[in-house]
Full PDB file with SEQRES, HELIX, SHEET, SSBOND, CRYST1, ORIGX, SCALE, CONECT and MASTER records, all heavy atoms in Angstrom:
SEQRES   1 A   40  GLY ASP LYS ILE GLN ILE GLU SER GLY ASP GLY LYS ILE          
SEQRES   2 A   40  LEU ASN TYR THR VAL VAL ASN THR LYS ASN PHE ASP THR          
SEQRES   3 A   40  THR ASN LEU ASP LEU GLY THR VAL LEU THR SER ALA GLN          
SEQRES   4 A   40  ALA                                                          
HELIX    1 AA1 THR A   26  ASN A   28  5                                   3    
HELIX    2 AA2 LEU A   31  VAL A   34  1                                   4    
SHEET    1 AA1 2 LYS A   3  GLU A   7  0                                        
SHEET    2 AA1 2 ILE A  13  THR A  17 -1                                        
CRYST1    1.000    1.000    1.000  90.00  90.00  90.00 P 1           1          
ORIGX1      1.000000  0.000000  0.000000        0.00000                         
ORIGX2      0.000000  1.000000  0.000000        0.00000                         
ORIGX3      0.000000  0.000000  1.000000        0.00000                         
SCALE1      1.000000  0.000000  0.000000        0.00000                         
SCALE2      0.000000  1.000000  0.000000        0.00000                         
SCALE3      0.000000  0.000000  1.000000        0.00000                         
ATOM      1  N   GLY A   1     105.671  18.122 127.125  1.00  0.00           N  
ATOM      2  CA  GLY A   1     107.033  18.653 127.121  1.00  0.00           C  
ATOM      3  C   GLY A   1     107.136  20.064 127.674  1.00  0.00           C  
ATOM      4  O   GLY A   1     108.221  20.511 128.040  1.00  0.00           O  
ATOM      5  N   ASP A   2     106.006  20.797 127.745  1.00  0.00           N  
ATOM      6  CA  ASP A   2     106.033  22.144 128.322  1.00  0.00           C  
ATOM      7  C   ASP A   2     106.402  22.075 129.796  1.00  0.00           C  
ATOM      8  O   ASP A   2     106.134  21.084 130.479  1.00  0.00           O  
ATOM      9  CB  ASP A   2     104.674  22.835 128.174  1.00  0.00           C  
ATOM     10  CG  ASP A   2     104.451  23.400 126.785  1.00  0.00           C  
ATOM     11  OD1 ASP A   2     105.406  23.432 125.970  1.00  0.00           O  
ATOM     12  OD2 ASP A   2     103.312  23.812 126.501  1.00  0.00           O  
ATOM     13  N   LYS A   3     107.016  23.139 130.284  1.00  0.00           N  
ATOM     14  CA  LYS A   3     107.459  23.222 131.677  1.00  0.00           C  
ATOM     15  C   LYS A   3     106.494  24.091 132.484  1.00  0.00           C  
ATOM     16  O   LYS A   3     105.978  25.090 131.992  1.00  0.00           O  
ATOM     17  CB  LYS A   3     108.864  23.820 131.762  1.00  0.00           C  
ATOM     18  CG  LYS A   3     109.908  23.113 130.909  1.00  0.00           C  
ATOM     19  CD  LYS A   3     110.130  21.692 131.350  1.00  0.00           C  
ATOM     20  CE  LYS A   3     111.207  21.029 130.505  1.00  0.00           C  
ATOM     21  NZ  LYS A   3     111.266  19.608 130.677  1.00  0.00           N  
ATOM     22  N   ILE A   4     106.270  23.675 133.718  1.00  0.00           N  
ATOM     23  CA  ILE A   4     105.458  24.437 134.668  1.00  0.00           C  
ATOM     24  C   ILE A   4     106.307  24.633 135.908  1.00  0.00           C  
ATOM     25  O   ILE A   4     106.911  23.678 136.410  1.00  0.00           O  
ATOM     26  CB  ILE A   4     104.169  23.681 135.043  1.00  0.00           C  
ATOM     27  CG1 ILE A   4     103.308  23.417 133.807  1.00  0.00           C  
ATOM     28  CG2 ILE A   4     103.387  24.453 136.106  1.00  0.00           C  
ATOM     29  CD1 ILE A   4     102.128  22.492 134.066  1.00  0.00           C  
ATOM     30  N   GLN A   5     106.345  25.846 136.394  1.00  0.00           N  
ATOM     31  CA  GLN A   5     107.119  26.147 137.591  1.00  0.00           C  
ATOM     32  C   GLN A   5     106.173  26.696 138.659  1.00  0.00           C  
ATOM     33  O   GLN A   5     105.388  27.609 138.398  1.00  0.00           O  
ATOM     34  CB  GLN A   5     108.207  27.170 137.253  1.00  0.00           C  
ATOM     35  CG  GLN A   5     109.308  27.243 138.263  1.00  0.00           C  
ATOM     36  CD  GLN A   5     110.445  28.103 137.758  1.00  0.00           C  
ATOM     37  OE1 GLN A   5     110.291  29.296 137.610  1.00  0.00           O  
ATOM     38  NE2 GLN A   5     111.584  27.487 137.498  1.00  0.00           N  
ATOM     39  N   ILE A   6     106.267  26.125 139.853  1.00  0.00           N  
ATOM     40  CA  ILE A   6     105.417  26.509 140.980  1.00  0.00           C  
ATOM     41  C   ILE A   6     106.325  26.976 142.113  1.00  0.00           C  
ATOM     42  O   ILE A   6     107.328  26.332 142.412  1.00  0.00           O  
ATOM     43  CB  ILE A   6     104.585  25.306 141.486  1.00  0.00           C  
ATOM     44  CG1 ILE A   6     103.786  24.666 140.372  1.00  0.00           C  
ATOM     45  CG2 ILE A   6     103.744  25.700 142.681  1.00  0.00           C  
ATOM     46  CD1 ILE A   6     102.555  25.398 139.969  1.00  0.00           C  
ATOM     47  N   GLU A   7     105.952  28.072 142.748  1.00  0.00           N  
ATOM     48  CA  GLU A   7     106.669  28.504 143.947  1.00  0.00           C  
ATOM     49  C   GLU A   7     105.808  28.167 145.154  1.00  0.00           C  
ATOM     50  O   GLU A   7     104.672  28.615 145.268  1.00  0.00           O  
ATOM     51  CB  GLU A   7     106.956  29.999 143.923  1.00  0.00           C  
ATOM     52  CG  GLU A   7     107.759  30.447 145.125  1.00  0.00           C  
ATOM     53  CD  GLU A   7     108.160  31.907 145.084  1.00  0.00           C  
ATOM     54  OE1 GLU A   7     107.983  32.559 144.038  1.00  0.00           O  
ATOM     55  OE2 GLU A   7     108.642  32.396 146.120  1.00  0.00           O  
ATOM     56  N   SER A   8     106.357  27.360 146.067  1.00  0.00           N  
ATOM     57  CA  SER A   8     105.606  26.967 147.260  1.00  0.00           C  
ATOM     58  C   SER A   8     105.620  28.106 148.276  1.00  0.00           C  
ATOM     59  O   SER A   8     106.352  29.097 148.125  1.00  0.00           O  
ATOM     60  CB  SER A   8     106.197  25.690 147.862  1.00  0.00           C  
ATOM     61  OG  SER A   8     107.511  25.928 148.326  1.00  0.00           O  
ATOM     62  N   GLY A   9     104.838  27.960 149.318  1.00  0.00           N  
ATOM     63  CA  GLY A   9     104.728  28.999 150.335  1.00  0.00           C  
ATOM     64  C   GLY A   9     106.031  29.320 151.034  1.00  0.00           C  
ATOM     65  O   GLY A   9     106.221  30.432 151.522  1.00  0.00           O  
ATOM     66  N   ASP A  10     106.953  28.359 151.063  1.00  0.00           N  
ATOM     67  CA  ASP A  10     108.245  28.610 151.716  1.00  0.00           C  
ATOM     68  C   ASP A  10     109.297  29.119 150.737  1.00  0.00           C  
ATOM     69  O   ASP A  10     110.471  29.225 151.067  1.00  0.00           O  
ATOM     70  CB  ASP A  10     108.749  27.350 152.419  1.00  0.00           C  
ATOM     71  CG  ASP A  10     109.018  26.191 151.474  1.00  0.00           C  
ATOM     72  OD1 ASP A  10     108.838  26.334 150.246  1.00  0.00           O  
ATOM     73  OD2 ASP A  10     109.402  25.109 151.963  1.00  0.00           O  
ATOM     74  N   GLY A  11     108.874  29.436 149.510  1.00  0.00           N  
ATOM     75  CA  GLY A  11     109.793  29.992 148.510  1.00  0.00           C  
ATOM     76  C   GLY A  11     110.504  28.960 147.656  1.00  0.00           C  
ATOM     77  O   GLY A  11     111.240  29.313 146.743  1.00  0.00           O  
ATOM     78  N   LYS A  12     110.303  27.677 147.926  1.00  0.00           N  
ATOM     79  CA  LYS A  12     110.934  26.621 147.142  1.00  0.00           C  
ATOM     80  C   LYS A  12     110.297  26.572 145.753  1.00  0.00           C  
ATOM     81  O   LYS A  12     109.090  26.666 145.602  1.00  0.00           O  
ATOM     82  CB  LYS A  12     110.764  25.281 147.848  1.00  0.00           C  
ATOM     83  CG  LYS A  12     111.464  24.137 147.149  1.00  0.00           C  
ATOM     84  CD  LYS A  12     111.326  22.853 147.940  1.00  0.00           C  
ATOM     85  CE  LYS A  12     112.014  21.715 147.201  1.00  0.00           C  
ATOM     86  NZ  LYS A  12     111.867  20.436 147.903  1.00  0.00           N  
ATOM     87  N   ILE A  13     111.131  26.429 144.729  1.00  0.00           N  
ATOM     88  CA  ILE A  13     110.659  26.333 143.348  1.00  0.00           C  
ATOM     89  C   ILE A  13     110.548  24.864 142.964  1.00  0.00           C  
ATOM     90  O   ILE A  13     111.507  24.100 143.100  1.00  0.00           O  
ATOM     91  CB  ILE A  13     111.618  27.065 142.368  1.00  0.00           C  
ATOM     92  CG1 ILE A  13     111.776  28.534 142.763  1.00  0.00           C  
ATOM     93  CG2 ILE A  13     111.154  26.903 140.928  1.00  0.00           C  
ATOM     94  CD1 ILE A  13     110.509  29.354 142.665  1.00  0.00           C  
ATOM     95  N   LEU A  14     109.376  24.478 142.484  1.00  0.00           N  
ATOM     96  CA  LEU A  14     109.129  23.108 142.037  1.00  0.00           C  
ATOM     97  C   LEU A  14     108.919  23.126 140.527  1.00  0.00           C  
ATOM     98  O   LEU A  14     108.139  23.928 140.012  1.00  0.00           O  
ATOM     99  CB  LEU A  14     107.890  22.539 142.727  1.00  0.00           C  
ATOM    100  CG  LEU A  14     107.922  22.551 144.255  1.00  0.00           C  
ATOM    101  CD1 LEU A  14     106.556  22.193 144.820  1.00  0.00           C  
ATOM    102  CD2 LEU A  14     108.984  21.602 144.772  1.00  0.00           C  
ATOM    103  N   ASN A  15     109.631  22.254 139.830  1.00  0.00           N  
ATOM    104  CA  ASN A  15     109.554  22.190 138.372  1.00  0.00           C  
ATOM    105  C   ASN A  15     108.836  20.925 137.936  1.00  0.00           C  
ATOM    106  O   ASN A  15     109.103  19.838 138.451  1.00  0.00           O  
ATOM    107  CB  ASN A  15     110.965  22.220 137.772  1.00  0.00           C  
ATOM    108  CG  ASN A  15     111.641  23.535 138.040  1.00  0.00           C  
ATOM    109  OD1 ASN A  15     111.214  24.568 137.559  1.00  0.00           O  
ATOM    110  ND2 ASN A  15     112.704  23.511 138.844  1.00  0.00           N  
ATOM    111  N   TYR A  16     107.933  21.104 136.972  1.00  0.00           N  
ATOM    112  CA  TYR A  16     107.154  19.996 136.436  1.00  0.00           C  
ATOM    113  C   TYR A  16     107.210  20.030 134.913  1.00  0.00           C  
ATOM    114  O   TYR A  16     107.390  21.090 134.315  1.00  0.00           O  
ATOM    115  CB  TYR A  16     105.686  20.099 136.873  1.00  0.00           C  
ATOM    116  CG  TYR A  16     105.501  19.947 138.360  1.00  0.00           C  
ATOM    117  CD1 TYR A  16     105.613  21.037 139.209  1.00  0.00           C  
ATOM    118  CD2 TYR A  16     105.217  18.706 138.916  1.00  0.00           C  
ATOM    119  CE1 TYR A  16     105.446  20.898 140.580  1.00  0.00           C  
ATOM    120  CE2 TYR A  16     105.033  18.554 140.285  1.00  0.00           C  
ATOM    121  CZ  TYR A  16     105.157  19.662 141.106  1.00  0.00           C  
ATOM    122  OH  TYR A  16     104.985  19.508 142.452  1.00  0.00           O  
ATOM    123  N   THR A  17     107.026  18.860 134.307  1.00  0.00           N  
ATOM    124  CA  THR A  17     106.955  18.737 132.859  1.00  0.00           C  
ATOM    125  C   THR A  17     105.615  18.114 132.482  1.00  0.00           C  
ATOM    126  O   THR A  17     105.222  17.085 133.059  1.00  0.00           O  
ATOM    127  CB  THR A  17     108.102  17.847 132.328  1.00  0.00           C  
ATOM    128  OG1 THR A  17     109.352  18.415 132.736  1.00  0.00           O  
ATOM    129  CG2 THR A  17     108.064  17.743 130.818  1.00  0.00           C  
ATOM    130  N   VAL A  18     104.926  18.723 131.528  1.00  0.00           N  
ATOM    131  CA  VAL A  18     103.638  18.200 131.068  1.00  0.00           C  
ATOM    132  C   VAL A  18     103.881  16.876 130.338  1.00  0.00           C  
ATOM    133  O   VAL A  18     104.723  16.798 129.448  1.00  0.00           O  
ATOM    134  CB  VAL A  18     102.932  19.208 130.129  1.00  0.00           C  
ATOM    135  CG1 VAL A  18     101.664  18.604 129.540  1.00  0.00           C  
ATOM    136  CG2 VAL A  18     102.633  20.506 130.862  1.00  0.00           C  
ATOM    137  N   VAL A  19     103.141  15.840 130.749  1.00  0.00           N  
ATOM    138  CA  VAL A  19     103.283  14.525 130.120  1.00  0.00           C  
ATOM    139  C   VAL A  19     102.011  14.064 129.409  1.00  0.00           C  
ATOM    140  O   VAL A  19     102.051  13.120 128.625  1.00  0.00           O  
ATOM    141  CB  VAL A  19     103.732  13.446 131.145  1.00  0.00           C  
ATOM    142  CG1 VAL A  19     105.123  13.750 131.658  1.00  0.00           C  
ATOM    143  CG2 VAL A  19     102.743  13.302 132.279  1.00  0.00           C  
ATOM    144  N   ASN A  20     100.880  14.742 129.687  1.00  0.00           N  
ATOM    145  CA  ASN A  20      99.640  14.336 129.035  1.00  0.00           C  
ATOM    146  C   ASN A  20      98.584  15.419 129.252  1.00  0.00           C  
ATOM    147  O   ASN A  20      98.648  16.171 130.225  1.00  0.00           O  
ATOM    148  CB  ASN A  20      99.136  13.011 129.603  1.00  0.00           C  
ATOM    149  CG  ASN A  20      98.143  12.312 128.702  1.00  0.00           C  
ATOM    150  OD1 ASN A  20      97.833  12.783 127.605  1.00  0.00           O  
ATOM    151  ND2 ASN A  20      97.624  11.182 129.154  1.00  0.00           N  
ATOM    152  N   THR A  21      97.632  15.476 128.354  1.00  0.00           N  
ATOM    153  CA  THR A  21      96.449  16.315 128.539  1.00  0.00           C  
ATOM    154  C   THR A  21      95.244  15.480 128.137  1.00  0.00           C  
ATOM    155  O   THR A  21      95.316  14.663 127.212  1.00  0.00           O  
ATOM    156  CB  THR A  21      96.482  17.598 127.683  1.00  0.00           C  
ATOM    157  OG1 THR A  21      96.497  17.243 126.306  1.00  0.00           O  
ATOM    158  CG2 THR A  21      97.698  18.437 127.994  1.00  0.00           C  
ATOM    159  N   LYS A  22      94.140  15.657 128.861  1.00  0.00           N  
ATOM    160  CA  LYS A  22      92.919  14.909 128.553  1.00  0.00           C  
ATOM    161  C   LYS A  22      91.724  15.816 128.726  1.00  0.00           C  
ATOM    162  O   LYS A  22      91.703  16.674 129.609  1.00  0.00           O  
ATOM    163  CB  LYS A  22      92.760  13.703 129.473  1.00  0.00           C  
ATOM    164  CG  LYS A  22      93.727  12.580 129.212  1.00  0.00           C  
ATOM    165  CD  LYS A  22      93.391  11.373 130.066  1.00  0.00           C  
ATOM    166  CE  LYS A  22      94.365  10.237 129.795  1.00  0.00           C  
ATOM    167  NZ  LYS A  22      94.067   9.059 130.604  1.00  0.00           N  
ATOM    168  N   ASN A  23      90.728  15.603 127.893  1.00  0.00           N  
ATOM    169  CA  ASN A  23      89.453  16.290 128.018  1.00  0.00           C  
ATOM    170  C   ASN A  23      88.406  15.273 128.443  1.00  0.00           C  
ATOM    171  O   ASN A  23      88.368  14.153 127.922  1.00  0.00           O  
ATOM    172  CB  ASN A  23      89.051  16.937 126.697  1.00  0.00           C  
ATOM    173  CG  ASN A  23      89.981  18.074 126.335  1.00  0.00           C  
ATOM    174  OD1 ASN A  23      90.136  19.004 127.098  1.00  0.00           O  
ATOM    175  ND2 ASN A  23      90.601  17.985 125.180  1.00  0.00           N  
ATOM    176  N   PHE A  24      87.576  15.666 129.393  1.00  0.00           N  
ATOM    177  CA  PHE A  24      86.540  14.793 129.914  1.00  0.00           C  
ATOM    178  C   PHE A  24      85.202  15.504 129.864  1.00  0.00           C  
ATOM    179  O   PHE A  24      85.111  16.704 130.098  1.00  0.00           O  
ATOM    180  CB  PHE A  24      86.810  14.436 131.389  1.00  0.00           C  
ATOM    181  CG  PHE A  24      88.007  13.572 131.602  1.00  0.00           C  
ATOM    182  CD1 PHE A  24      89.257  14.134 131.823  1.00  0.00           C  
ATOM    183  CD2 PHE A  24      87.895  12.196 131.618  1.00  0.00           C  
ATOM    184  CE1 PHE A  24      90.367  13.349 132.052  1.00  0.00           C  
ATOM    185  CE2 PHE A  24      89.004  11.392 131.845  1.00  0.00           C  
ATOM    186  CZ  PHE A  24      90.242  11.970 132.059  1.00  0.00           C  
ATOM    187  N   ASP A  25      84.162  14.736 129.616  1.00  0.00           N  
ATOM    188  CA  ASP A  25      82.802  15.204 129.817  1.00  0.00           C  
ATOM    189  C   ASP A  25      82.575  15.196 131.332  1.00  0.00           C  
ATOM    190  O   ASP A  25      83.055  14.304 132.025  1.00  0.00           O  
ATOM    191  CB  ASP A  25      81.840  14.228 129.123  1.00  0.00           C  
ATOM    192  CG  ASP A  25      80.411  14.652 129.244  1.00  0.00           C  
ATOM    193  OD1 ASP A  25      79.861  14.546 130.366  1.00  0.00           O  
ATOM    194  OD2 ASP A  25      79.835  15.081 128.240  1.00  0.00           O  
ATOM    195  N   THR A  26      81.848  16.155 131.854  1.00  0.00           N  
ATOM    196  CA  THR A  26      81.655  16.212 133.303  1.00  0.00           C  
ATOM    197  C   THR A  26      80.914  15.004 133.851  1.00  0.00           C  
ATOM    198  O   THR A  26      81.045  14.692 135.027  1.00  0.00           O  
ATOM    199  CB  THR A  26      80.910  17.493 133.722  1.00  0.00           C  
ATOM    200  OG1 THR A  26      79.689  17.578 133.001  1.00  0.00           O  
ATOM    201  CG2 THR A  26      81.744  18.716 133.481  1.00  0.00           C  
ATOM    202  N   THR A  27      80.176  14.308 133.009  1.00  0.00           N  
ATOM    203  CA  THR A  27      79.466  13.114 133.475  1.00  0.00           C  
ATOM    204  C   THR A  27      80.343  11.867 133.412  1.00  0.00           C  
ATOM    205  O   THR A  27      79.941  10.812 133.867  1.00  0.00           O  
ATOM    206  CB  THR A  27      78.195  12.861 132.639  1.00  0.00           C  
ATOM    207  OG1 THR A  27      78.568  12.653 131.271  1.00  0.00           O  
ATOM    208  CG2 THR A  27      77.236  14.035 132.746  1.00  0.00           C  
ATOM    209  N   ASN A  28      81.547  11.994 132.859  1.00  0.00           N  
ATOM    210  CA  ASN A  28      82.435  10.852 132.676  1.00  0.00           C  
ATOM    211  C   ASN A  28      83.818  11.153 133.249  1.00  0.00           C  
ATOM    212  O   ASN A  28      84.819  10.800 132.660  1.00  0.00           O  
ATOM    213  CB  ASN A  28      82.526  10.515 131.182  1.00  0.00           C  
ATOM    214  CG  ASN A  28      83.226   9.205 130.937  1.00  0.00           C  
ATOM    215  OD1 ASN A  28      83.227   8.319 131.780  1.00  0.00           O  
ATOM    216  ND2 ASN A  28      83.832   9.079 129.768  1.00  0.00           N  
ATOM    217  N   LEU A  29      83.860  11.795 134.395  1.00  0.00           N  
ATOM    218  CA  LEU A  29      85.129  12.207 134.999  1.00  0.00           C  
ATOM    219  C   LEU A  29      85.513  11.227 136.097  1.00  0.00           C  
ATOM    220  O   LEU A  29      84.804  11.082 137.092  1.00  0.00           O  
ATOM    221  CB  LEU A  29      84.985  13.615 135.574  1.00  0.00           C  
ATOM    222  CG  LEU A  29      86.231  14.270 136.118  1.00  0.00           C  
ATOM    223  CD1 LEU A  29      87.289  14.429 135.022  1.00  0.00           C  
ATOM    224  CD2 LEU A  29      85.887  15.637 136.682  1.00  0.00           C  
ATOM    225  N   ASP A  30      86.620  10.516 135.898  1.00  0.00           N  
ATOM    226  CA  ASP A  30      87.101   9.527 136.859  1.00  0.00           C  
ATOM    227  C   ASP A  30      88.022  10.210 137.867  1.00  0.00           C  
ATOM    228  O   ASP A  30      89.138  10.600 137.529  1.00  0.00           O  
ATOM    229  CB  ASP A  30      87.834   8.417 136.112  1.00  0.00           C  
ATOM    230  CG  ASP A  30      88.485   7.400 137.025  1.00  0.00           C  
ATOM    231  OD1 ASP A  30      88.143   7.354 138.234  1.00  0.00           O  
ATOM    232  OD2 ASP A  30      89.351   6.648 136.533  1.00  0.00           O  
ATOM    233  N   LEU A  31      87.554  10.379 139.104  1.00  0.00           N  
ATOM    234  CA  LEU A  31      88.348  11.077 140.113  1.00  0.00           C  
ATOM    235  C   LEU A  31      89.633  10.335 140.452  1.00  0.00           C  
ATOM    236  O   LEU A  31      90.617  10.960 140.834  1.00  0.00           O  
ATOM    237  CB  LEU A  31      87.521  11.323 141.369  1.00  0.00           C  
ATOM    238  CG  LEU A  31      86.415  12.355 141.215  1.00  0.00           C  
ATOM    239  CD1 LEU A  31      85.657  12.541 142.511  1.00  0.00           C  
ATOM    240  CD2 LEU A  31      86.963  13.682 140.725  1.00  0.00           C  
ATOM    241  N   GLY A  32      89.653   9.016 140.294  1.00  0.00           N  
ATOM    242  CA  GLY A  32      90.890   8.268 140.519  1.00  0.00           C  
ATOM    243  C   GLY A  32      91.986   8.734 139.575  1.00  0.00           C  
ATOM    244  O   GLY A  32      93.141   8.892 139.964  1.00  0.00           O  
ATOM    245  N   THR A  33      91.628   8.985 138.336  1.00  0.00           N  
ATOM    246  CA  THR A  33      92.582   9.486 137.344  1.00  0.00           C  
ATOM    247  C   THR A  33      93.024  10.903 137.693  1.00  0.00           C  
ATOM    248  O   THR A  33      94.200  11.233 137.612  1.00  0.00           O  
ATOM    249  CB  THR A  33      91.946   9.475 135.937  1.00  0.00           C  
ATOM    250  OG1 THR A  33      91.584   8.138 135.608  1.00  0.00           O  
ATOM    251  CG2 THR A  33      92.904  10.020 134.883  1.00  0.00           C  
ATOM    252  N   VAL A  34      92.070  11.718 138.095  1.00  0.00           N  
ATOM    253  CA  VAL A  34      92.363  13.120 138.410  1.00  0.00           C  
ATOM    254  C   VAL A  34      93.352  13.234 139.566  1.00  0.00           C  
ATOM    255  O   VAL A  34      94.213  14.102 139.576  1.00  0.00           O  
ATOM    256  CB  VAL A  34      91.063  13.878 138.757  1.00  0.00           C  
ATOM    257  CG1 VAL A  34      91.351  15.277 139.247  1.00  0.00           C  
ATOM    258  CG2 VAL A  34      90.140  13.908 137.560  1.00  0.00           C  
ATOM    259  N   LEU A  35      93.248  12.345 140.542  1.00  0.00           N  
ATOM    260  CA  LEU A  35      94.026  12.460 141.773  1.00  0.00           C  
ATOM    261  C   LEU A  35      95.304  11.634 141.792  1.00  0.00           C  
ATOM    262  O   LEU A  35      96.009  11.618 142.794  1.00  0.00           O  
ATOM    263  CB  LEU A  35      93.143  12.070 142.965  1.00  0.00           C  
ATOM    264  CG  LEU A  35      91.897  12.934 143.149  1.00  0.00           C  
ATOM    265  CD1 LEU A  35      91.010  12.374 144.249  1.00  0.00           C  
ATOM    266  CD2 LEU A  35      92.267  14.379 143.424  1.00  0.00           C  
ATOM    267  N   THR A  36      95.625  10.967 140.696  1.00  0.00           N  
ATOM    268  CA  THR A  36      96.787  10.083 140.636  1.00  0.00           C  
ATOM    269  C   THR A  36      97.865  10.678 139.735  1.00  0.00           C  
ATOM    270  O   THR A  36      97.574  11.223 138.679  1.00  0.00           O  
ATOM    271  CB  THR A  36      96.365   8.703 140.085  1.00  0.00           C  
ATOM    272  OG1 THR A  36      95.328   8.180 140.906  1.00  0.00           O  
ATOM    273  CG2 THR A  36      97.526   7.736 140.058  1.00  0.00           C  
ATOM    274  N   SER A  37      99.120  10.554 140.160  1.00  0.00           N  
ATOM    275  CA  SER A  37     100.235  11.012 139.330  1.00  0.00           C  
ATOM    276  C   SER A  37     100.232  10.263 137.998  1.00  0.00           C  
ATOM    277  O   SER A  37      99.925   9.072 137.945  1.00  0.00           O  
ATOM    278  CB  SER A  37     101.567  10.774 140.047  1.00  0.00           C  
ATOM    279  OG  SER A  37     102.647  11.146 139.202  1.00  0.00           O  
ATOM    280  N   ALA A  38     100.577  10.968 136.946  1.00  0.00           N  
ATOM    281  CA  ALA A  38     100.602  10.373 135.609  1.00  0.00           C  
ATOM    282  C   ALA A  38     101.708   9.335 135.461  1.00  0.00           C  
ATOM    283  O   ALA A  38     101.650   8.487 134.580  1.00  0.00           O  
ATOM    284  CB  ALA A  38     100.758  11.458 134.551  1.00  0.00           C  
ATOM    285  N   GLN A  39     102.728   9.413 136.325  1.00  0.00           N  
ATOM    286  CA  GLN A  39     103.817   8.440 136.282  1.00  0.00           C  
ATOM    287  C   GLN A  39     104.057   7.918 137.692  1.00  0.00           C  
ATOM    288  O   GLN A  39     104.432   8.687 138.589  1.00  0.00           O  
ATOM    289  CB  GLN A  39     105.097   9.066 135.718  1.00  0.00           C  
ATOM    290  CG  GLN A  39     105.000   9.398 134.252  1.00  0.00           C  
ATOM    291  CD  GLN A  39     106.290   9.966 133.682  1.00  0.00           C  
ATOM    292  OE1 GLN A  39     107.297  10.099 134.364  1.00  0.00           O  
ATOM    293  NE2 GLN A  39     106.255  10.318 132.409  1.00  0.00           N  
ATOM    294  N   ALA A  40     103.845   6.633 137.862  1.00  0.00           N  
ATOM    295  CA  ALA A  40     104.014   6.011 139.176  1.00  0.00           C  
ATOM    296  C   ALA A  40     105.405   6.303 139.731  1.00  0.00           C  
ATOM    297  O   ALA A  40     106.398   6.245 139.003  1.00  0.00           O  
ATOM    298  CB  ALA A  40     103.789   4.510 139.071  1.00  0.00           C  
TER     299      ALA A  40                                                      
MASTER        0    0    0    2    2    0    0    6  298    1    0    4          
END                                                                             
């Protein structure tokens, strides 16, 4: 539910909402999960 605001290089403001947090062991890190949006 927390909000994250990012300013892009062209000055555009992008707003995001946290939907999940996960902790991984470095030996069990699935890059597919890391690189995929949490909501299709």
